[in-house]
């Protein structure tokens, strides 16, 4: 149902009632418009197939640029490894136009897939608007996001700054959607204030445990761009955080998850 403010709302029981959802999204072809002299005049034909509906749409290269530029600055996506927008500058290096367009079909398909296969991205209104998602799909995406926002673990840890190497106390919540969000305080999280940032565990390649003497009760999350260093109050707390993080990133058979 919708509340007075117009937002879609439902209870936990309703969210858990049916949360299975699958989506396949890809570019079927890219065409240059008859009056096209620039890449902005190329049009992508996109096919979307979900468990709750199928449809087709078109978007130009320029549409993708605007969508990408606006998406990467959304507050909720702060700290997220957003996929890279395909480049338009290598057309001459590929050869003829057909080869260029085939290459772009694959690149734009990959770009869309990496966005729409992450639940917290998929459920955002701007992301759904870009593919003109119908109400049935929007509702299901919101249900999935709702269940994925139930913390696996939460608590206070000190976080080392990226530039300033001092530590500041932050309140962390570990979510099933491969996000470790951190807030100024636990009250900030309770009140629904936008987090200070997020650690995108989809790009994490190792959980580190530091030597007790030089880094007491500390752990690290290694990503391609940074090692996030966190400090707990006790060894037990640190070990429980390490276990929770490693359990999320690996299944019972030791297979790595990638967050999608």
C-alpha atoms as a PDB file:
ATOM      1  CA  UNK A   1       0.000   0.000   0.000  1.00  0.00           C
ATOM      2  CA  UNK A   2       0.991   3.677  -0.187  1.00  0.00           C
ATOM      3  CA  UNK A   3       1.295   5.975   2.815  1.00  0.00           C
ATOM      4  CA  UNK A   4       0.065   9.561   2.912  1.00  0.00           C
ATOM      5  CA  UNK A   5       3.401  10.796   1.587  1.00  0.00           C
ATOM      6  CA  UNK A   6       2.989   8.647  -1.516  1.00  0.00           C
ATOM      7  CA  UNK A   7       5.785   6.179  -0.701  1.00  0.00           C
ATOM      8  CA  UNK A   8       5.333   2.446  -1.101  1.00  0.00           C
ATOM      9  CA  UNK A   9       5.242   0.761   2.333  1.00  0.00           C
ATOM     10  CA  UNK A  10       4.623  -2.759   3.640  1.00  0.00           C
ATOM     11  CA  UNK A  11       5.157  -4.829   6.767  1.00  0.00           C
ATOM     12  CA  UNK A  12       8.004  -7.319   7.275  1.00  0.00           C
ATOM     13  CA  UNK A  13       5.487 -10.166   6.896  1.00  0.00           C
ATOM     14  CA  UNK A  14       4.415  -8.788   3.530  1.00  0.00           C
ATOM     15  CA  UNK A  15       8.042  -8.376   2.451  1.00  0.00           C
ATOM     16  CA  UNK A  16       8.897 -11.958   3.359  1.00  0.00           C
ATOM     17  CA  UNK A  17       5.756 -13.339   1.708  1.00  0.00           C
ATOM     18  CA  UNK A  18       7.310 -13.318  -1.750  1.00  0.00           C
ATOM     19  CA  UNK A  19      10.836 -12.017  -2.249  1.00  0.00           C
ATOM     20  CA  UNK A  20      12.042 -14.154  -5.142  1.00  0.00           C
ATOM     21  CA  UNK A  21      12.983 -11.984  -8.075  1.00  0.00           C
ATOM     22  CA  UNK A  22      15.145 -12.396 -11.152  1.00  0.00           C
ATOM     23  CA  UNK A  23      16.091  -9.933 -13.855  1.00  0.00           C
ATOM     24  CA  UNK A  24      17.861 -10.214 -17.176  1.00  0.00           C
ATOM     25  CA  UNK A  25      18.719  -6.927 -18.854  1.00  0.00           C
ATOM     26  CA  UNK A  26      20.815  -6.472 -21.966  1.00  0.00           C
ATOM     27  CA  UNK A  27      21.267  -4.382 -25.084  1.00  0.00           C
ATOM     28  CA  UNK A  28      20.011  -6.237 -28.150  1.00  0.00           C
ATOM     29  CA  UNK A  29      21.374  -3.794 -30.735  1.00  0.00           C
ATOM     30  CA  UNK A  30      22.802  -0.303 -31.205  1.00  0.00           C
ATOM     31  CA  UNK A  31      21.902   1.787 -34.228  1.00  0.00           C
ATOM     32  CA  UNK A  32      23.068   5.109 -35.549  1.00  0.00           C
ATOM     33  CA  UNK A  33      20.171   7.434 -36.282  1.00  0.00           C
ATOM     34  CA  UNK A  34      19.919   8.672 -39.882  1.00  0.00           C
ATOM     35  CA  UNK A  35      20.809  12.217 -38.877  1.00  0.00           C
ATOM     36  CA  UNK A  36      23.526  11.061 -36.505  1.00  0.00           C
ATOM     37  CA  UNK A  37      26.954  12.633 -36.819  1.00  0.00           C
ATOM     38  CA  UNK A  38      28.066  12.037 -33.250  1.00  0.00           C
ATOM     39  CA  UNK A  39      27.979   9.085 -30.878  1.00  0.00           C
ATOM     40  CA  UNK A  40      25.256  10.883 -28.924  1.00  0.00           C
ATOM     41  CA  UNK A  41      22.926  10.003 -31.781  1.00  0.00           C
ATOM     42  CA  UNK A  42      23.374   6.267 -31.344  1.00  0.00           C
ATOM     43  CA  UNK A  43      20.367   4.512 -29.896  1.00  0.00           C
ATOM     44  CA  UNK A  44      20.480   1.371 -27.748  1.00  0.00           C
ATOM     45  CA  UNK A  45      17.619  -1.095 -27.922  1.00  0.00           C
ATOM     46  CA  UNK A  46      17.272  -2.707 -24.499  1.00  0.00           C
ATOM     47  CA  UNK A  47      15.390  -5.834 -23.457  1.00  0.00           C
ATOM     48  CA  UNK A  48      14.309  -6.414 -19.843  1.00  0.00           C
ATOM     49  CA  UNK A  49      13.030  -9.808 -18.725  1.00  0.00           C
ATOM     50  CA  UNK A  50      11.986 -10.295 -15.091  1.00  0.00           C
ATOM     51  CA  UNK A  51       9.919 -12.715 -13.055  1.00  0.00           C
ATOM     52  CA  UNK A  52       7.345  -9.926 -12.772  1.00  0.00           C
ATOM     53  CA  UNK A  53       7.156  -8.656 -16.338  1.00  0.00           C
ATOM     54  CA  UNK A  54       8.993  -8.165 -19.619  1.00  0.00           C
ATOM     55  CA  UNK A  55       9.403  -5.030 -21.713  1.00  0.00           C
ATOM     56  CA  UNK A  56      11.650  -3.230 -24.161  1.00  0.00           C
ATOM     57  CA  UNK A  57      12.946   0.339 -24.295  1.00  0.00           C
ATOM     58  CA  UNK A  58      15.460   2.537 -26.059  1.00  0.00           C
ATOM     59  CA  UNK A  59      18.140   4.854 -24.701  1.00  0.00           C
ATOM     60  CA  UNK A  60      20.753   6.967 -26.463  1.00  0.00           C
ATOM     61  CA  UNK A  61      24.413   7.174 -25.499  1.00  0.00           C
ATOM     62  CA  UNK A  62      23.627  10.646 -24.156  1.00  0.00           C
ATOM     63  CA  UNK A  63      20.855   9.217 -21.977  1.00  0.00           C
ATOM     64  CA  UNK A  64      23.395   6.828 -20.460  1.00  0.00           C
ATOM     65  CA  UNK A  65      25.806   9.691 -19.751  1.00  0.00           C
ATOM     66  CA  UNK A  66      23.159  11.719 -17.934  1.00  0.00           C
ATOM     67  CA  UNK A  67      21.974   8.656 -15.991  1.00  0.00           C
ATOM     68  CA  UNK A  68      25.501   7.753 -14.921  1.00  0.00           C
ATOM     69  CA  UNK A  69      26.468  11.290 -13.911  1.00  0.00           C
ATOM     70  CA  UNK A  70      23.376  11.683 -11.735  1.00  0.00           C
ATOM     71  CA  UNK A  71      23.585   8.193 -10.208  1.00  0.00           C
ATOM     72  CA  UNK A  72      27.168   8.328  -8.933  1.00  0.00           C
ATOM     73  CA  UNK A  73      26.421  11.399  -6.791  1.00  0.00           C
ATOM     74  CA  UNK A  74      23.368   9.940  -5.021  1.00  0.00           C
ATOM     75  CA  UNK A  75      24.014  10.093  -1.270  1.00  0.00           C
ATOM     76  CA  UNK A  76      22.863   6.516  -0.646  1.00  0.00           C
ATOM     77  CA  UNK A  77      25.499   5.252  -3.092  1.00  0.00           C
ATOM     78  CA  UNK A  78      28.415   6.950  -1.330  1.00  0.00           C
ATOM     79  CA  UNK A  79      31.334   4.516  -1.228  1.00  0.00           C
ATOM     80  CA  UNK A  80      29.775   2.096  -3.720  1.00  0.00           C
ATOM     81  CA  UNK A  81      31.825   0.611  -6.561  1.00  0.00           C
ATOM     82  CA  UNK A  82      29.603   1.902  -9.335  1.00  0.00           C
ATOM     83  CA  UNK A  83      30.335   0.290 -12.733  1.00  0.00           C
ATOM     84  CA  UNK A  84      32.322   2.292 -15.239  1.00  0.00           C
ATOM     85  CA  UNK A  85      30.384   3.837 -18.103  1.00  0.00           C
ATOM     86  CA  UNK A  86      31.520   2.457 -21.488  1.00  0.00           C
ATOM     87  CA  UNK A  87      33.850   4.771 -23.350  1.00  0.00           C
ATOM     88  CA  UNK A  88      32.968   6.205 -26.755  1.00  0.00           C
ATOM     89  CA  UNK A  89      36.527   7.246 -27.609  1.00  0.00           C
ATOM     90  CA  UNK A  90      37.881   4.017 -29.074  1.00  0.00           C
ATOM     91  CA  UNK A  91      35.722   3.853 -32.195  1.00  0.00           C
ATOM     92  CA  UNK A  92      38.599   4.357 -34.638  1.00  0.00           C
ATOM     93  CA  UNK A  93      40.747   1.705 -32.970  1.00  0.00           C
ATOM     94  CA  UNK A  94      38.135  -1.023 -33.434  1.00  0.00           C
ATOM     95  CA  UNK A  95      37.806  -0.796 -37.193  1.00  0.00           C
ATOM     96  CA  UNK A  96      34.560  -0.683 -39.112  1.00  0.00           C
ATOM     97  CA  UNK A  97      31.257   0.529 -37.726  1.00  0.00           C
ATOM     98  CA  UNK A  98      29.741  -2.961 -37.344  1.00  0.00           C
ATOM     99  CA  UNK A  99      32.600  -4.110 -35.125  1.00  0.00           C
ATOM    100  CA  UNK A 100      32.357  -0.919 -33.103  1.00  0.00           C
ATOM    101  CA  UNK A 101      28.629  -1.373 -32.500  1.00  0.00           C
ATOM    102  CA  UNK A 102      29.002  -5.065 -31.588  1.00  0.00           C
ATOM    103  CA  UNK A 103      31.623  -4.120 -29.042  1.00  0.00           C
ATOM    104  CA  UNK A 104      29.382  -1.432 -27.559  1.00  0.00           C
ATOM    105  CA  UNK A 105      26.452  -3.855 -27.308  1.00  0.00           C
ATOM    106  CA  UNK A 106      28.567  -6.046 -25.021  1.00  0.00           C
ATOM    107  CA  UNK A 107      29.927  -3.121 -22.999  1.00  0.00           C
ATOM    108  CA  UNK A 108      26.550  -1.494 -22.376  1.00  0.00           C
ATOM    109  CA  UNK A 109      24.958  -4.865 -21.581  1.00  0.00           C
ATOM    110  CA  UNK A 110      27.639  -5.497 -18.950  1.00  0.00           C
ATOM    111  CA  UNK A 111      27.160  -2.003 -17.535  1.00  0.00           C
ATOM    112  CA  UNK A 112      23.409  -2.511 -17.114  1.00  0.00           C
ATOM    113  CA  UNK A 113      23.821  -6.008 -15.682  1.00  0.00           C
ATOM    114  CA  UNK A 114      26.266  -4.846 -13.002  1.00  0.00           C
ATOM    115  CA  UNK A 115      23.808  -2.171 -11.865  1.00  0.00           C
ATOM    116  CA  UNK A 116      20.528  -4.077 -11.967  1.00  0.00           C
ATOM    117  CA  UNK A 117      21.845  -7.224 -10.300  1.00  0.00           C
ATOM    118  CA  UNK A 118      22.569  -5.417  -7.032  1.00  0.00           C
ATOM    119  CA  UNK A 119      19.464  -5.120  -4.872  1.00  0.00           C
ATOM    120  CA  UNK A 120      20.204  -1.756  -3.245  1.00  0.00           C
ATOM    121  CA  UNK A 121      20.859  -0.175  -6.665  1.00  0.00           C
ATOM    122  CA  UNK A 122      17.900  -1.835  -8.362  1.00  0.00           C
ATOM    123  CA  UNK A 123      15.429  -0.590  -5.743  1.00  0.00           C
ATOM    124  CA  UNK A 124      16.320   3.088  -6.072  1.00  0.00           C
ATOM    125  CA  UNK A 125      13.691   5.202  -7.845  1.00  0.00           C
ATOM    126  CA  UNK A 126      16.153   6.829 -10.282  1.00  0.00           C
ATOM    127  CA  UNK A 127      17.537   3.422 -11.281  1.00  0.00           C
ATOM    128  CA  UNK A 128      14.047   2.036 -11.866  1.00  0.00           C
ATOM    129  CA  UNK A 129      12.978   5.157 -13.741  1.00  0.00           C
ATOM    130  CA  UNK A 130      15.814   4.735 -16.239  1.00  0.00           C
ATOM    131  CA  UNK A 131      14.354   1.426 -17.434  1.00  0.00           C
ATOM    132  CA  UNK A 132      10.725   2.587 -17.039  1.00  0.00           C
ATOM    133  CA  UNK A 133      10.030  -0.283 -14.635  1.00  0.00           C
ATOM    134  CA  UNK A 134       6.334  -1.108 -14.116  1.00  0.00           C
ATOM    135  CA  UNK A 135       4.725  -0.930 -10.674  1.00  0.00           C
ATOM    136  CA  UNK A 136       4.886  -4.709 -10.144  1.00  0.00           C
ATOM    137  CA  UNK A 137       8.660  -4.684 -10.571  1.00  0.00           C
ATOM    138  CA  UNK A 138       9.087  -1.580  -8.404  1.00  0.00           C
ATOM    139  CA  UNK A 139       7.136  -3.202  -5.596  1.00  0.00           C
ATOM    140  CA  UNK A 140       9.150  -6.405  -5.724  1.00  0.00           C
ATOM    141  CA  UNK A 141      12.442  -4.506  -5.821  1.00  0.00           C
ATOM    142  CA  UNK A 142      11.373  -2.588  -2.717  1.00  0.00           C
ATOM    143  CA  UNK A 143      10.481  -5.835  -0.953  1.00  0.00           C
ATOM    144  CA  UNK A 144      13.911  -7.276  -1.662  1.00  0.00           C
ATOM    145  CA  UNK A 145      15.638  -4.109  -0.467  1.00  0.00           C
ATOM    146  CA  UNK A 146      13.536  -4.181   2.693  1.00  0.00           C
ATOM    147  CA  UNK A 147      14.617  -7.713   3.609  1.00  0.00           C
ATOM    148  CA  UNK A 148      18.227  -6.958   2.626  1.00  0.00           C
ATOM    149  CA  UNK A 149      18.284  -4.054   5.099  1.00  0.00           C
ATOM    150  CA  UNK A 150      18.027  -6.367   8.117  1.00  0.00           C
ATOM    151  CA  UNK A 151      21.527  -6.190   9.688  1.00  0.00           C
ATOM    152  CA  UNK A 152      23.625  -9.318  10.048  1.00  0.00           C
ATOM    153  CA  UNK A 153      25.677  -7.551  12.682  1.00  0.00           C
ATOM    154  CA  UNK A 154      25.948  -4.062  14.121  1.00  0.00           C
ATOM    155  CA  UNK A 155      28.087  -2.198  16.606  1.00  0.00           C
ATOM    156  CA  UNK A 156      30.647   0.505  17.202  1.00  0.00           C
ATOM    157  CA  UNK A 157      34.194   0.371  15.817  1.00  0.00           C
ATOM    158  CA  UNK A 158      36.886   2.957  15.251  1.00  0.00           C
ATOM    159  CA  UNK A 159      37.653   3.671  11.590  1.00  0.00           C
ATOM    160  CA  UNK A 160      40.988   4.933  10.297  1.00  0.00           C
ATOM    161  CA  UNK A 161      40.666   7.939   8.002  1.00  0.00           C
ATOM    162  CA  UNK A 162      41.699   7.674   4.358  1.00  0.00           C
ATOM    163  CA  UNK A 163      43.895  10.785   4.354  1.00  0.00           C
ATOM    164  CA  UNK A 164      44.073  11.681   8.015  1.00  0.00           C
ATOM    165  CA  UNK A 165      45.292   8.464   9.665  1.00  0.00           C
ATOM    166  CA  UNK A 166      43.663   9.065  13.008  1.00  0.00           C
ATOM    167  CA  UNK A 167      40.736   6.969  14.217  1.00  0.00           C
ATOM    168  CA  UNK A 168      37.132   8.059  14.729  1.00  0.00           C
ATOM    169  CA  UNK A 169      34.361   6.123  16.403  1.00  0.00           C
ATOM    170  CA  UNK A 170      31.591   5.080  14.004  1.00  0.00           C
ATOM    171  CA  UNK A 171      28.515   2.873  14.232  1.00  0.00           C
ATOM    172  CA  UNK A 172      28.567   0.054  11.660  1.00  0.00           C
ATOM    173  CA  UNK A 173      25.846  -2.199  10.271  1.00  0.00           C
ATOM    174  CA  UNK A 174      26.648  -5.222   8.106  1.00  0.00           C
ATOM    175  CA  UNK A 175      23.928  -5.924   5.539  1.00  0.00           C
ATOM    176  CA  UNK A 176      23.190  -9.031   3.408  1.00  0.00           C
ATOM    177  CA  UNK A 177      23.524  -6.891   0.240  1.00  0.00           C
ATOM    178  CA  UNK A 178      27.321  -6.748   0.711  1.00  0.00           C
ATOM    179  CA  UNK A 179      27.389  -3.303   2.275  1.00  0.00           C
ATOM    180  CA  UNK A 180      29.081  -2.334   5.516  1.00  0.00           C
ATOM    181  CA  UNK A 181      27.516   1.043   6.246  1.00  0.00           C
ATOM    182  CA  UNK A 182      28.801   3.405   8.907  1.00  0.00           C
ATOM    183  CA  UNK A 183      27.071   6.238  10.738  1.00  0.00           C
ATOM    184  CA  UNK A 184      28.115   9.033  13.063  1.00  0.00           C
ATOM    185  CA  UNK A 185      26.302   7.314  15.948  1.00  0.00           C
ATOM    186  CA  UNK A 186      23.814   4.533  16.592  1.00  0.00           C
ATOM    187  CA  UNK A 187      21.124   7.203  17.009  1.00  0.00           C
ATOM    188  CA  UNK A 188      21.844   8.465  13.482  1.00  0.00           C
ATOM    189  CA  UNK A 189      21.108   4.983  12.154  1.00  0.00           C
ATOM    190  CA  UNK A 190      17.961   4.635  14.266  1.00  0.00           C
ATOM    191  CA  UNK A 191      16.644   7.985  13.034  1.00  0.00           C
ATOM    192  CA  UNK A 192      17.215   7.016   9.394  1.00  0.00           C
ATOM    193  CA  UNK A 193      19.912   9.619   8.759  1.00  0.00           C
ATOM    194  CA  UNK A 194      21.969   9.010   5.610  1.00  0.00           C
ATOM    195  CA  UNK A 195      25.138   7.061   6.484  1.00  0.00           C
ATOM    196  CA  UNK A 196      28.508   8.788   6.511  1.00  0.00           C
ATOM    197  CA  UNK A 197      29.648   6.209   3.970  1.00  0.00           C
ATOM    198  CA  UNK A 198      29.716   2.559   2.962  1.00  0.00           C
ATOM    199  CA  UNK A 199      32.330  -0.108   2.392  1.00  0.00           C
ATOM    200  CA  UNK A 200      31.391  -2.051  -0.722  1.00  0.00           C
ATOM    201  CA  UNK A 201      32.167  -5.665   0.136  1.00  0.00           C
ATOM    202  CA  UNK A 202      31.424  -6.752  -3.427  1.00  0.00           C
ATOM    203  CA  UNK A 203      34.909  -5.479  -4.270  1.00  0.00           C
ATOM    204  CA  UNK A 204      36.612  -6.813  -1.122  1.00  0.00           C
ATOM    205  CA  UNK A 205      39.241  -9.465  -1.806  1.00  0.00           C
ATOM    206  CA  UNK A 206      40.506 -10.205   1.717  1.00  0.00           C
ATOM    207  CA  UNK A 207      39.613  -9.742   5.385  1.00  0.00           C
ATOM    208  CA  UNK A 208      42.778  -9.038   7.366  1.00  0.00           C
ATOM    209  CA  UNK A 209      43.545  -9.669  11.045  1.00  0.00           C
ATOM    210  CA  UNK A 210      46.341  -7.499  12.425  1.00  0.00           C
ATOM    211  CA  UNK A 211      49.025  -8.262  14.977  1.00  0.00           C
ATOM    212  CA  UNK A 212      47.783  -7.583  18.482  1.00  0.00           C
ATOM    213  CA  UNK A 213      50.910  -5.747  19.661  1.00  0.00           C
ATOM    214  CA  UNK A 214      51.025  -3.053  16.990  1.00  0.00           C
ATOM    215  CA  UNK A 215      47.315  -2.983  16.076  1.00  0.00           C
ATOM    216  CA  UNK A 216      45.265  -4.161  19.073  1.00  0.00           C
ATOM    217  CA  UNK A 217      41.913  -5.739  18.213  1.00  0.00           C
ATOM    218  CA  UNK A 218      42.102  -4.479  14.609  1.00  0.00           C
ATOM    219  CA  UNK A 219      40.882  -5.864  11.300  1.00  0.00           C
ATOM    220  CA  UNK A 220      41.216  -4.763   7.707  1.00  0.00           C
ATOM    221  CA  UNK A 221      39.051  -4.969   4.610  1.00  0.00           C
ATOM    222  CA  UNK A 222      41.191  -5.053   1.494  1.00  0.00           C
ATOM    223  CA  UNK A 223      39.710  -3.659  -1.735  1.00  0.00           C
ATOM    224  CA  UNK A 224      41.383  -2.747  -5.044  1.00  0.00           C
ATOM    225  CA  UNK A 225      41.534   0.946  -4.069  1.00  0.00           C
ATOM    226  CA  UNK A 226      42.002   0.922  -0.308  1.00  0.00           C
ATOM    227  CA  UNK A 227      42.512  -1.093   2.850  1.00  0.00           C
ATOM    228  CA  UNK A 228      39.838  -0.131   5.376  1.00  0.00           C
ATOM    229  CA  UNK A 229      41.307  -0.435   8.871  1.00  0.00           C
ATOM    230  CA  UNK A 230      38.872  -0.891  11.788  1.00  0.00           C
ATOM    231  CA  UNK A 231      39.580  -1.212  15.494  1.00  0.00           C
ATOM    232  CA  UNK A 232      37.369  -2.948  18.053  1.00  0.00           C
ATOM    233  CA  UNK A 233      37.333  -2.691  21.850  1.00  0.00           C
ATOM    234  CA  UNK A 234      38.048  -6.353  22.538  1.00  0.00           C
ATOM    235  CA  UNK A 235      39.571  -9.362  20.807  1.00  0.00           C
ATOM    236  CA  UNK A 236      36.254 -11.190  21.015  1.00  0.00           C
ATOM    237  CA  UNK A 237      34.438  -8.336  19.279  1.00  0.00           C
ATOM    238  CA  UNK A 238      37.084  -8.230  16.561  1.00  0.00           C
ATOM    239  CA  UNK A 239      36.874 -11.985  15.993  1.00  0.00           C
ATOM    240  CA  UNK A 240      33.085 -11.860  15.750  1.00  0.00           C
ATOM    241  CA  UNK A 241      33.258  -9.089  13.142  1.00  0.00           C
ATOM    242  CA  UNK A 242      35.855 -11.049  11.161  1.00  0.00           C
ATOM    243  CA  UNK A 243      33.665 -14.162  11.268  1.00  0.00           C
ATOM    244  CA  UNK A 244      30.579 -12.231  10.143  1.00  0.00           C
ATOM    245  CA  UNK A 245      32.436 -10.610   7.236  1.00  0.00           C
ATOM    246  CA  UNK A 246      34.083 -13.820   6.047  1.00  0.00           C
ATOM    247  CA  UNK A 247      30.803 -15.741   6.361  1.00  0.00           C
ATOM    248  CA  UNK A 248      29.084 -13.191   4.124  1.00  0.00           C
ATOM    249  CA  UNK A 249      31.833 -13.335   1.513  1.00  0.00           C
ATOM    250  CA  UNK A 250      32.040 -17.134   1.410  1.00  0.00           C
ATOM    251  CA  UNK A 251      29.437 -19.879   1.482  1.00  0.00           C
ATOM    252  CA  UNK A 252      29.657 -23.149   3.432  1.00  0.00           C
ATOM    253  CA  UNK A 253      31.715 -24.735   0.645  1.00  0.00           C
ATOM    254  CA  UNK A 254      34.260 -21.927   0.634  1.00  0.00           C
ATOM    255  CA  UNK A 255      33.056 -20.426  -2.643  1.00  0.00           C
ATOM    256  CA  UNK A 256      33.489 -16.683  -2.864  1.00  0.00           C
ATOM    257  CA  UNK A 257      30.452 -14.421  -3.283  1.00  0.00           C
ATOM    258  CA  UNK A 258      30.690 -11.279  -5.379  1.00  0.00           C
ATOM    259  CA  UNK A 259      27.721  -9.316  -4.108  1.00  0.00           C
ATOM    260  CA  UNK A 260      25.457  -9.850  -7.097  1.00  0.00           C
END
